Amino acid sequence: MSSYGIKRCHYRPLGGQPRQLTPDPASAEERRAGFGTRHPRLSRAVGIESVLLLLIGCGPEPVAAH
């Protein structure tokens, strides 16, 4: 898993200093980040389970009997 993402997003205006962007407090990304900070192991387990379910759902289609 990567530690990059919204934490590494910066806004660089023309002629101005870049500043790091943070998620809106009411957004799903902020809730996810807060959950990951408060419960890092559980957050990782949820992420792994999500990937596994995605892989199972996108797995090979069954072969039809002739």
PDB file of N, CA and C in Angstrom:
ATOM      1  N   MET A   1       0.840  -1.170   0.000  1.00  0.00           N
ATOM      2  CA  MET A   1       0.000   0.000   0.000  1.00  0.00           C
ATOM      3  C   MET A   1       0.891   1.241   0.000  1.00  0.00           C
ATOM      4  N   SER A   2       0.407   2.269  -0.633  1.00  0.00           N
ATOM      5  CA  SER A   2       1.168   3.494  -0.760  1.00  0.00           C
ATOM      6  C   SER A   2       0.773   4.494   0.327  1.00  0.00           C
ATOM      7  N   SER A   3       1.728   5.271   0.762  1.00  0.00           N
ATOM      8  CA  SER A   3       1.422   6.325   1.728  1.00  0.00           C
ATOM      9  C   SER A   3       1.193   7.659   1.024  1.00  0.00           C
ATOM     10  N   TYR A   4       1.215   7.663  -0.311  1.00  0.00           N
ATOM     11  CA  TYR A   4       0.957   8.880  -1.068  1.00  0.00           C
ATOM     12  C   TYR A   4      -0.537   9.029  -1.311  1.00  0.00           C
ATOM     13  N   GLY A   5      -0.929  10.088  -1.901  1.00  0.00           N
ATOM     14  CA  GLY A   5      -2.328  10.341  -2.202  1.00  0.00           C
ATOM     15  C   GLY A   5      -2.638  11.788  -1.914  1.00  0.00           C
ATOM     16  N   ILE A   6      -3.748  12.024  -1.289  1.00  0.00           N
ATOM     17  CA  ILE A   6      -4.172  13.394  -1.019  1.00  0.00           C
ATOM     18  C   ILE A   6      -3.162  14.112  -0.117  1.00  0.00           C
ATOM     19  N   LYS A   7      -2.407  13.384   0.681  1.00  0.00           N
ATOM     20  CA  LYS A   7      -1.402  14.012   1.535  1.00  0.00           C
ATOM     21  C   LYS A   7      -0.290  14.656   0.713  1.00  0.00           C
ATOM     22  N   ARG A   8      -0.101  14.195  -0.506  1.00  0.00           N
ATOM     23  CA  ARG A   8       0.978  14.704  -1.341  1.00  0.00           C
ATOM     24  C   ARG A   8       0.462  15.620  -2.451  1.00  0.00           C
ATOM     25  N   CYS A   9      -0.751  16.080  -2.360  1.00  0.00           N
ATOM     26  CA  CYS A   9      -1.333  16.935  -3.388  1.00  0.00           C
ATOM     27  C   CYS A   9      -1.072  18.398  -3.009  1.00  0.00           C
ATOM     28  N   HIS A  10      -0.474  19.150  -3.938  1.00  0.00           N
ATOM     29  CA  HIS A  10      -0.170  20.557  -3.697  1.00  0.00           C
ATOM     30  C   HIS A  10      -0.837  21.426  -4.766  1.00  0.00           C
ATOM     31  N   TYR A  11      -1.175  22.631  -4.360  1.00  0.00           N
ATOM     32  CA  TYR A  11      -1.710  23.626  -5.291  1.00  0.00           C
ATOM     33  C   TYR A  11      -0.608  24.637  -5.537  1.00  0.00           C
ATOM     34  N   ARG A  12      -0.282  24.849  -6.801  1.00  0.00           N
ATOM     35  CA  ARG A  12       0.772  25.798  -7.147  1.00  0.00           C
ATOM     36  C   ARG A  12       0.170  26.870  -8.045  1.00  0.00           C
ATOM     37  N   PRO A  13      -0.224  28.020  -7.471  1.00  0.00           N
ATOM     38  CA  PRO A  13      -0.775  29.110  -8.291  1.00  0.00           C
ATOM     39  C   PRO A  13       0.324  29.779  -9.112  1.00  0.00           C
ATOM     40  N   LEU A  14      -0.076  30.436 -10.171  1.00  0.00           N
ATOM     41  CA  LEU A  14       0.889  31.160 -10.997  1.00  0.00           C
ATOM     42  C   LEU A  14       1.507  32.278 -10.165  1.00  0.00           C
ATOM     43  N   GLY A  15       2.807  32.239 -10.037  1.00  0.00           N
ATOM     44  CA  GLY A  15       3.512  33.285  -9.311  1.00  0.00           C
ATOM     45  C   GLY A  15       3.397  33.211  -7.810  1.00  0.00           C
ATOM     46  N   GLY A  16       2.777  32.194  -7.267  1.00  0.00           N
ATOM     47  CA  GLY A  16       2.629  32.097  -5.818  1.00  0.00           C
ATOM     48  C   GLY A  16       3.362  30.896  -5.251  1.00  0.00           C
ATOM     49  N   GLN A  17       3.362  30.792  -3.963  1.00  0.00           N
ATOM     50  CA  GLN A  17       4.001  29.671  -3.290  1.00  0.00           C
ATOM     51  C   GLN A  17       3.062  28.465  -3.282  1.00  0.00           C
ATOM     52  N   PRO A  18       3.605  27.261  -3.529  1.00  0.00           N
ATOM     53  CA  PRO A  18       2.751  26.076  -3.465  1.00  0.00           C
ATOM     54  C   PRO A  18       2.307  25.814  -2.028  1.00  0.00           C
ATOM     55  N   ARG A  19       1.112  25.262  -1.907  1.00  0.00           N
ATOM     56  CA  ARG A  19       0.640  24.890  -0.572  1.00  0.00           C
ATOM     57  C   ARG A  19      -0.003  23.516  -0.650  1.00  0.00           C
ATOM     58  N   GLN A  20       0.144  22.773   0.422  1.00  0.00           N
ATOM     59  CA  GLN A  20      -0.387  21.427   0.468  1.00  0.00           C
ATOM     60  C   GLN A  20      -1.901  21.482   0.658  1.00  0.00           C
ATOM     61  N   LEU A  21      -2.607  20.694  -0.137  1.00  0.00           N
ATOM     62  CA  LEU A  21      -4.055  20.635  -0.028  1.00  0.00           C
ATOM     63  C   LEU A  21      -4.470  19.593   1.000  1.00  0.00           C
ATOM     64  N   THR A  22      -5.562  19.855   1.677  1.00  0.00           N
ATOM     65  CA  THR A  22      -6.124  18.900   2.639  1.00  0.00           C
ATOM     66  C   THR A  22      -7.558  18.617   2.239  1.00  0.00           C
ATOM     67  N   PRO A  23      -8.056  17.423   2.550  1.00  0.00           N
ATOM     68  CA  PRO A  23      -9.427  17.098   2.176  1.00  0.00           C
ATOM     69  C   PRO A  23     -10.444  17.922   2.968  1.00  0.00           C
ATOM     70  N   ASP A  24     -11.585  18.141   2.361  1.00  0.00           N
ATOM     71  CA  ASP A  24     -12.684  18.828   3.034  1.00  0.00           C
ATOM     72  C   ASP A  24     -13.117  18.005   4.244  1.00  0.00           C
ATOM     73  N   PRO A  25     -13.362  18.640   5.402  1.00  0.00           N
ATOM     74  CA  PRO A  25     -13.739  17.886   6.598  1.00  0.00           C
ATOM     75  C   PRO A  25     -15.012  17.046   6.440  1.00  0.00           C
ATOM     76  N   ALA A  26     -15.894  17.419   5.534  1.00  0.00           N
ATOM     77  CA  ALA A  26     -17.141  16.675   5.348  1.00  0.00           C
ATOM     78  C   ALA A  26     -17.033  15.614   4.247  1.00  0.00           C
ATOM     79  N   SER A  27     -15.845  15.431   3.667  1.00  0.00           N
ATOM     80  CA  SER A  27     -15.704  14.500   2.544  1.00  0.00           C
ATOM     81  C   SER A  27     -15.408  13.077   3.016  1.00  0.00           C
ATOM     82  N   ALA A  28     -15.640  12.135   2.121  1.00  0.00           N
ATOM     83  CA  ALA A  28     -15.342  10.733   2.411  1.00  0.00           C
ATOM     84  C   ALA A  28     -13.839  10.535   2.574  1.00  0.00           C
ATOM     85  N   GLU A  29     -13.027  11.276   1.833  1.00  0.00           N
ATOM     86  CA  GLU A  29     -11.574  11.141   1.944  1.00  0.00           C
ATOM     87  C   GLU A  29     -11.092  11.541   3.334  1.00  0.00           C
ATOM     88  N   GLU A  30     -11.666  12.585   3.901  1.00  0.00           N
ATOM     89  CA  GLU A  30     -11.285  13.000   5.256  1.00  0.00           C
ATOM     90  C   GLU A  30     -11.692  11.943   6.276  1.00  0.00           C
ATOM     91  N   ARG A  31     -12.891  11.382   6.129  1.00  0.00           N
ATOM     92  CA  ARG A  31     -13.335  10.317   7.042  1.00  0.00           C
ATOM     93  C   ARG A  31     -12.429   9.101   6.922  1.00  0.00           C
ATOM     94  N   ARG A  32     -12.027   8.745   5.679  1.00  0.00           N
ATOM     95  CA  ARG A  32     -11.140   7.608   5.474  1.00  0.00           C
ATOM     96  C   ARG A  32      -9.777   7.865   6.111  1.00  0.00           C
ATOM     97  N   ALA A  33      -9.255   9.063   5.910  1.00  0.00           N
ATOM     98  CA  ALA A  33      -7.957   9.411   6.487  1.00  0.00           C
ATOM     99  C   ALA A  33      -8.014   9.401   8.012  1.00  0.00           C
ATOM    100  N   GLY A  34      -9.080   9.933   8.570  1.00  0.00           N
ATOM    101  CA  GLY A  34      -9.237   9.932  10.024  1.00  0.00           C
ATOM    102  C   GLY A  34      -9.345   8.523  10.584  1.00  0.00           C
ATOM    103  N   PHE A  35     -10.092   7.671   9.883  1.00  0.00           N
ATOM    104  CA  PHE A  35     -10.221   6.276  10.291  1.00  0.00           C
ATOM    105  C   PHE A  35      -8.857   5.588  10.237  1.00  0.00           C
ATOM    106  N   GLY A  36      -8.098   5.855   9.168  1.00  0.00           N
ATOM    107  CA  GLY A  36      -6.768   5.267   9.032  1.00  0.00           C
ATOM    108  C   GLY A  36      -5.813   5.732  10.112  1.00  0.00           C
ATOM    109  N   THR A  37      -5.962   6.965  10.566  1.00  0.00           N
ATOM    110  CA  THR A  37      -5.108   7.486  11.631  1.00  0.00           C
ATOM    111  C   THR A  37      -5.481   6.882  12.984  1.00  0.00           C
ATOM    112  N   ARG A  38      -6.782   6.777  13.241  1.00  0.00           N
ATOM    113  CA  ARG A  38      -7.246   6.243  14.528  1.00  0.00           C
ATOM    114  C   ARG A  38      -7.105   4.730  14.621  1.00  0.00           C
ATOM    115  N   HIS A  39      -7.304   4.017  13.517  1.00  0.00           N
ATOM    116  CA  HIS A  39      -7.304   2.551  13.514  1.00  0.00           C
ATOM    117  C   HIS A  39      -6.483   2.033  12.329  1.00  0.00           C
ATOM    118  N   PRO A  40      -5.148   2.151  12.368  1.00  0.00           N
ATOM    119  CA  PRO A  40      -4.340   1.796  11.204  1.00  0.00           C
ATOM    120  C   PRO A  40      -4.438   0.323  10.797  1.00  0.00           C
ATOM    121  N   ARG A  41      -4.466  -0.591  11.745  1.00  0.00           N
ATOM    122  CA  ARG A  41      -4.556  -2.015  11.393  1.00  0.00           C
ATOM    123  C   ARG A  41      -5.903  -2.355  10.779  1.00  0.00           C
ATOM    124  N   LEU A  42      -6.957  -1.854  11.366  1.00  0.00           N
ATOM    125  CA  LEU A  42      -8.291  -2.117  10.830  1.00  0.00           C
ATOM    126  C   LEU A  42      -8.459  -1.479   9.459  1.00  0.00           C
ATOM    127  N   SER A  43      -7.909  -0.297   9.274  1.00  0.00           N
ATOM    128  CA  SER A  43      -7.970   0.367   7.974  1.00  0.00           C
ATOM    129  C   SER A  43      -7.257  -0.459   6.909  1.00  0.00           C
ATOM    130  N   ARG A  44      -6.094  -1.000   7.241  1.00  0.00           N
ATOM    131  CA  ARG A  44      -5.360  -1.838   6.297  1.00  0.00           C
ATOM    132  C   ARG A  44      -6.140  -3.108   5.984  1.00  0.00           C
ATOM    133  N   ALA A  45      -6.770  -3.711   7.001  1.00  0.00           N
ATOM    134  CA  ALA A  45      -7.565  -4.922   6.785  1.00  0.00           C
ATOM    135  C   ALA A  45      -8.743  -4.637   5.854  1.00  0.00           C
ATOM    136  N   VAL A  46      -9.397  -3.506   6.031  1.00  0.00           N
ATOM    137  CA  VAL A  46     -10.508  -3.129   5.151  1.00  0.00           C
ATOM    138  C   VAL A  46     -10.004  -2.945   3.719  1.00  0.00           C
ATOM    139  N   GLY A  47      -8.844  -2.321   3.555  1.00  0.00           N
ATOM    140  CA  GLY A  47      -8.269  -2.138   2.225  1.00  0.00           C
ATOM    141  C   GLY A  47      -7.935  -3.452   1.553  1.00  0.00           C
ATOM    142  N   ILE A  48      -7.331  -4.367   2.296  1.00  0.00           N
ATOM    143  CA  ILE A  48      -6.986  -5.683   1.745  1.00  0.00           C
ATOM    144  C   ILE A  48      -8.241  -6.447   1.366  1.00  0.00           C
ATOM    145  N   GLU A  49      -9.258  -6.402   2.228  1.00  0.00           N
ATOM    146  CA  GLU A  49     -10.516  -7.092   1.927  1.00  0.00           C
ATOM    147  C   GLU A  49     -11.173  -6.495   0.678  1.00  0.00           C
ATOM    148  N   SER A  50     -11.099  -5.194   0.520  1.00  0.00           N
ATOM    149  CA  SER A  50     -11.679  -4.548  -0.661  1.00  0.00           C
ATOM    150  C   SER A  50     -11.001  -5.032  -1.940  1.00  0.00           C
ATOM    151  N   VAL A  51      -9.681  -5.123  -1.910  1.00  0.00           N
ATOM    152  CA  VAL A  51      -8.940  -5.592  -3.082  1.00  0.00           C
ATOM    153  C   VAL A  51      -9.290  -7.052  -3.379  1.00  0.00           C
ATOM    154  N   LEU A  52      -9.361  -7.878  -2.348  1.00  0.00           N
ATOM    155  CA  LEU A  52      -9.718  -9.284  -2.552  1.00  0.00           C
ATOM    156  C   LEU A  52     -11.107  -9.429  -3.162  1.00  0.00           C
ATOM    157  N   LEU A  53     -12.071  -8.679  -2.663  1.00  0.00           N
ATOM    158  CA  LEU A  53     -13.418  -8.739  -3.217  1.00  0.00           C
ATOM    159  C   LEU A  53     -13.437  -8.265  -4.664  1.00  0.00           C
ATOM    160  N   LEU A  54     -12.665  -7.254  -4.977  1.00  0.00           N
ATOM    161  CA  LEU A  54     -12.573  -6.772  -6.350  1.00  0.00           C
ATOM    162  C   LEU A  54     -11.981  -7.848  -7.259  1.00  0.00           C
ATOM    163  N   LEU A  55     -10.917  -8.510  -6.800  1.00  0.00           N
ATOM    164  CA  LEU A  55     -10.294  -9.564  -7.594  1.00  0.00           C
ATOM    165  C   LEU A  55     -11.234 -10.750  -7.789  1.00  0.00           C
ATOM    166  N   ILE A  56     -11.974 -11.113  -6.757  1.00  0.00           N
ATOM    167  CA  ILE A  56     -12.941 -12.210  -6.875  1.00  0.00           C
ATOM    168  C   ILE A  56     -14.041 -11.831  -7.856  1.00  0.00           C
ATOM    169  N   GLY A  57     -14.529 -10.607  -7.771  1.00  0.00           N
ATOM    170  CA  GLY A  57     -15.600 -10.143  -8.654  1.00  0.00           C
ATOM    171  C   GLY A  57     -15.162 -10.026 -10.104  1.00  0.00           C
ATOM    172  N   CYS A  58     -13.891  -9.773 -10.335  1.00  0.00           N
ATOM    173  CA  CYS A  58     -13.371  -9.628 -11.705  1.00  0.00           C
ATOM    174  C   CYS A  58     -12.679 -10.892 -12.183  1.00  0.00           C
ATOM    175  N   GLY A  59     -12.825 -11.968 -11.446  1.00  0.00           N
ATOM    176  CA  GLY A  59     -12.150 -13.217 -11.788  1.00  0.00           C
ATOM    177  C   GLY A  59     -12.659 -13.799 -13.091  1.00  0.00           C
ATOM    178  N   PRO A  60     -12.077 -14.921 -13.496  1.00  0.00           N
ATOM    179  CA  PRO A  60     -12.471 -15.536 -14.774  1.00  0.00           C
ATOM    180  C   PRO A  60     -13.933 -15.981 -14.758  1.00  0.00           C
ATOM    181  N   GLU A  61     -14.557 -15.850 -15.893  1.00  0.00           N
ATOM    182  CA  GLU A  61     -15.950 -16.296 -16.017  1.00  0.00           C
ATOM    183  C   GLU A  61     -15.977 -17.814 -16.119  1.00  0.00           C
ATOM    184  N   PRO A  62     -17.010 -18.434 -15.568  1.00  0.00           N
ATOM    185  CA  PRO A  62     -17.097 -19.897 -15.656  1.00  0.00           C
ATOM    186  C   PRO A  62     -17.277 -20.343 -17.108  1.00  0.00           C
ATOM    187  N   VAL A  63     -16.727 -21.481 -17.428  1.00  0.00           N
ATOM    188  CA  VAL A  63     -16.843 -22.029 -18.773  1.00  0.00           C
ATOM    189  C   VAL A  63     -18.202 -22.684 -18.909  1.00  0.00           C
ATOM    190  N   ALA A  64     -18.922 -22.327 -19.976  1.00  0.00           N
ATOM    191  CA  ALA A  64     -20.275 -22.879 -20.193  1.00  0.00           C
ATOM    192  C   ALA A  64     -20.163 -24.300 -20.716  1.00  0.00           C
ATOM    193  N   ALA A  65     -21.033 -25.170 -20.215  1.00  0.00           N
ATOM    194  CA  ALA A  65     -21.071 -26.558 -20.680  1.00  0.00           C
ATOM    195  C   ALA A  65     -21.748 -26.599 -22.040  1.00  0.00           C
ATOM    196  N   HIS A  66     -21.204 -27.426 -22.926  1.00  0.00           N
ATOM    197  CA  HIS A  66     -21.762 -27.533 -24.284  1.00  0.00           C
ATOM    198  C   HIS A  66     -22.907 -28.485 -24.307  1.00  0.00           C
TER     199      HIS A  66
END
